Amino acid sequence: MQTGTSITDLLSFSAILVSLLSALYARWAWSEANKANQLTLHKHQKEIYDSFFSLKSHMSQNWDGAEMSEVAKFYYPAKNSAFYFHKSDAENINSYFRLCFDIADTNRRIKGGDQRLELITKAKEADEFAKVLELKLIGVITVA
């Protein structure tokens, strides 16, 4: 009868040790992959924010004289926001784009009168909407 450790006990202990190390490595790899995914998400969110800020700046500088060529640059970022933001934020981004698009489209067709005053009112509304949306987006993409 043997009282010491046998080769099978050593192999069992080694197998347990290897499985524990493998589990630790898998957890570390998962953590690193999660960090990489968060960085990629943040990059896309920041690109959409930068496009939003560019449109917001154009609208703030031109109000009722918004140009369709500048507003159109935000089309794809607005559409892509559905992939990188929560549903409500993406809907707000698309609503802002549609509002700016309507202002620029109306600006192309009119030259003065009561329609111009209505357009200025819409531009003010868009400006207020953009201020609220900007704060929300900054909160979402700010890395602590």
Protein backbone atom coordinates (compact mmCIF):
# COMPACT_ATOMS: atom_id res chain seq x y z
CA MET A 1 0.00 0.00 0.00
CA GLN A 2 1.40 3.36 -1.05
CA THR A 3 1.08 6.43 1.16
CA GLY A 4 2.79 9.03 -1.09
CA THR A 5 1.43 10.78 -4.12
CA SER A 6 1.13 8.73 -7.23
CA ILE A 7 1.72 9.80 -10.79
CA THR A 8 -2.04 9.90 -11.41
CA ASP A 9 -2.49 12.32 -8.50
CA LEU A 10 0.21 14.58 -9.95
CA LEU A 11 -1.39 14.44 -13.39
CA SER A 12 -4.80 15.23 -11.91
CA PHE A 13 -3.36 18.18 -10.00
CA SER A 14 -1.59 19.41 -13.15
CA ALA A 15 -4.81 19.14 -15.15
CA ILE A 16 -6.69 21.17 -12.53
CA LEU A 17 -3.94 23.79 -12.53
CA VAL A 18 -3.96 24.03 -16.33
CA SER A 19 -7.77 24.34 -16.41
CA LEU A 20 -7.68 27.14 -13.80
CA LEU A 21 -5.03 29.00 -15.78
CA SER A 22 -7.06 28.53 -18.95
CA ALA A 23 -10.15 29.95 -17.25
CA LEU A 24 -8.17 32.97 -16.04
CA TYR A 25 -6.76 33.54 -19.53
CA ALA A 26 -10.24 33.22 -21.08
CA ARG A 27 -11.59 35.80 -18.62
CA TRP A 28 -8.71 38.18 -19.42
CA ALA A 29 -9.23 37.69 -23.19
CA TRP A 30 -12.97 38.39 -22.79
CA SER A 31 -12.19 41.55 -20.84
CA GLU A 32 -9.76 42.79 -23.48
CA ALA A 33 -12.20 42.00 -26.30
CA ASN A 34 -14.91 43.91 -24.44
CA LYS A 35 -12.57 46.93 -24.08
CA ALA A 36 -11.77 46.79 -27.80
CA ASN A 37 -15.49 46.67 -28.66
CA GLN A 38 -16.17 49.67 -26.41
CA LEU A 39 -13.37 51.64 -28.07
CA THR A 40 -14.73 50.84 -31.52
CA LEU A 41 -18.24 51.83 -30.46
CA HIS A 42 -16.91 55.07 -28.97
CA LYS A 43 -15.02 55.84 -32.21
CA HIS A 44 -18.19 55.51 -34.29
CA GLN A 45 -20.23 57.50 -31.78
CA LYS A 46 -17.62 60.28 -31.84
CA GLU A 47 -17.65 60.39 -35.65
CA ILE A 48 -21.43 60.78 -35.62
CA TYR A 49 -21.15 63.45 -32.94
CA ASP A 50 -18.54 65.33 -34.99
CA SER A 51 -20.88 65.29 -38.01
CA PHE A 52 -23.75 66.42 -35.81
CA PHE A 53 -21.64 69.26 -34.42
CA SER A 54 -20.67 70.34 -37.93
CA LEU A 55 -24.34 70.46 -38.96
CA LYS A 56 -25.28 72.25 -35.73
CA SER A 57 -22.59 74.85 -36.41
CA HIS A 58 -23.81 75.36 -39.96
CA MET A 59 -27.39 75.75 -38.78
CA SER A 60 -26.39 78.18 -36.02
CA GLN A 61 -24.42 80.34 -38.45
CA ASN A 62 -26.98 80.32 -41.26
CA TRP A 63 -30.33 79.88 -39.48
CA ASP A 64 -32.98 80.13 -42.18
CA GLY A 65 -30.33 80.25 -44.92
CA ALA A 66 -29.18 76.66 -44.44
CA GLU A 67 -27.69 75.10 -47.55
CA MET A 68 -28.83 71.68 -48.71
CA SER A 69 -25.27 70.62 -49.57
CA GLU A 70 -24.18 71.11 -45.94
CA VAL A 71 -27.25 69.45 -44.45
CA ALA A 72 -26.94 66.47 -46.82
CA LYS A 73 -23.50 65.66 -45.38
CA PHE A 74 -25.28 64.47 -42.22
CA TYR A 75 -27.50 61.96 -44.04
CA TYR A 76 -25.34 58.87 -43.54
CA PRO A 77 -24.21 59.68 -40.00
CA ALA A 78 -27.87 60.17 -39.05
CA LYS A 79 -28.81 56.82 -40.61
CA ASN A 80 -25.83 55.05 -39.01
CA SER A 81 -26.74 56.37 -35.57
CA ALA A 82 -29.21 53.47 -35.28
CA PHE A 83 -26.24 51.09 -35.09
CA TYR A 84 -24.25 52.96 -32.45
CA PHE A 85 -26.74 54.73 -30.16
CA HIS A 86 -29.77 53.70 -28.15
CA LYS A 87 -32.99 53.78 -30.10
CA SER A 88 -34.28 57.02 -28.54
CA ASP A 89 -30.99 58.83 -29.17
CA ALA A 90 -30.87 57.62 -32.77
CA GLU A 91 -34.46 58.77 -33.30
CA ASN A 92 -33.56 62.22 -31.92
CA ILE A 93 -30.54 62.42 -34.23
CA ASN A 94 -32.73 61.52 -37.22
CA SER A 95 -35.39 64.00 -36.13
CA TYR A 96 -32.80 66.75 -36.02
CA PHE A 97 -31.58 65.82 -39.48
CA ARG A 98 -35.13 65.87 -40.87
CA LEU A 99 -35.79 69.25 -39.26
CA CYS A 100 -32.61 70.71 -40.77
CA PHE A 101 -33.38 69.10 -44.12
CA ASP A 102 -36.85 70.70 -44.14
CA ILE A 103 -35.33 74.10 -43.35
CA ALA A 104 -32.75 73.80 -46.14
CA ASP A 105 -35.34 72.47 -48.60
CA THR A 106 -37.73 75.30 -47.82
CA ASN A 107 -34.87 77.80 -48.06
CA ARG A 108 -34.22 76.65 -51.64
CA ARG A 109 -37.78 77.43 -52.67
CA ILE A 110 -38.61 80.72 -50.95
CA LYS A 111 -37.10 84.15 -51.00
CA GLY A 112 -39.09 86.30 -48.55
CA GLY A 113 -42.34 87.21 -46.88
CA ASP A 114 -44.28 85.26 -44.31
CA GLN A 115 -42.65 81.99 -45.31
CA ARG A 116 -39.27 83.43 -44.34
CA LEU A 117 -40.60 84.28 -40.85
CA GLU A 118 -41.95 80.75 -40.52
CA LEU A 119 -38.57 79.42 -41.58
CA ILE A 120 -36.80 81.53 -38.94
CA THR A 121 -39.16 80.08 -36.33
CA LYS A 122 -38.27 76.55 -37.49
CA ALA A 123 -34.57 77.45 -37.34
CA LYS A 124 -34.95 78.63 -33.73
CA GLU A 125 -36.75 75.40 -32.91
CA ALA A 126 -33.93 73.41 -34.52
CA ASP A 127 -31.36 75.38 -32.53
CA GLU A 128 -33.09 74.61 -29.22
CA PHE A 129 -33.46 70.95 -30.18
CA ALA A 130 -29.76 70.80 -31.08
CA LYS A 131 -28.69 72.23 -27.72
CA VAL A 132 -30.57 69.52 -25.82
CA LEU A 133 -29.41 66.78 -28.19
CA GLU A 134 -25.79 67.90 -27.95
CA LEU A 135 -25.80 67.62 -24.16
CA LYS A 136 -27.33 64.16 -24.40
CA LEU A 137 -24.77 62.96 -26.96
CA ILE A 138 -21.87 64.37 -24.97
CA GLY A 139 -23.14 62.44 -21.95
CA VAL A 140 -23.31 59.23 -23.97
CA ILE A 141 -19.88 59.41 -25.59
CA THR A 142 -17.88 60.89 -22.74
CA VAL A 143 -15.44 58.32 -21.40
CA ALA A 144 -15.00 58.57 -17.66
